Structures are given as C-alpha cells and as structure tokens.
C-alpha cells in the first residue's frame, strides 16, 4: 500500500514539474535547442522502462523455472535477453539520431572524454 502511495506522489510531482510553464534560463541559448524533442524523449524513456520491466519479469520467470525442466543454462538465456535489449536500444538510438549528423560528427558528438 505504501509503495503505491509513493509511486502516486512521484507521478504527481513529475507531472507538476513537466506541465509547469517555467523555462530554463539558458535553454534558448543552448547549441542543440532546436534539436530537442521532449515528446520523443518521453516516449523513448517510457519504452526503456517497459523493456526494463519486461526483462526483470522474464528473468524472474527463468529463475523460478530453473529446477522444473532441463533448459539451457542461465548464462545463455541472459545473453539471449541481452541481445534483444541491445537490438531494441540500437533501433531506438538510430531512430532518434539523424543519420547525416552521425556521418559528419560521429556517434558521440557533443560528449567529451576528459
């Protein structure tokens, strides 16, 4: 019961912050201000949350079925799950980035490694 209450408070707090009309002071002067798409970002975050939730449920199912039947090892099943996660992540990353900008500036444009 308290978990649902905490999740509800968190959801209301996030909604209040996101729906407020306040703007960040330096948002308009940012270099990539024209590239920002909050709706797409929210959609990708929700997709990531769903993938993470399904992965956790699937892994729990695999752990609970371990002794019932002779299946492939847990390591192989984890690698299969990681492959599908990598496939979904790379697809969403490729969709959210413009191919021309990747070709010109590279995948890590805007990041510094220092």
Foldseek 3Di string as FASTA:
>chain_A
DVVVVVVVVVVVVVCVVVPDPDDDPCLVVDPCNVLDDVVLVVVVVVVVVVLVVVVVVVLVVCVVCVPVDDDDDSVVVVVVSVVVVVVVVVVSLPVSDDPVCCVPQNPPPPDDPD
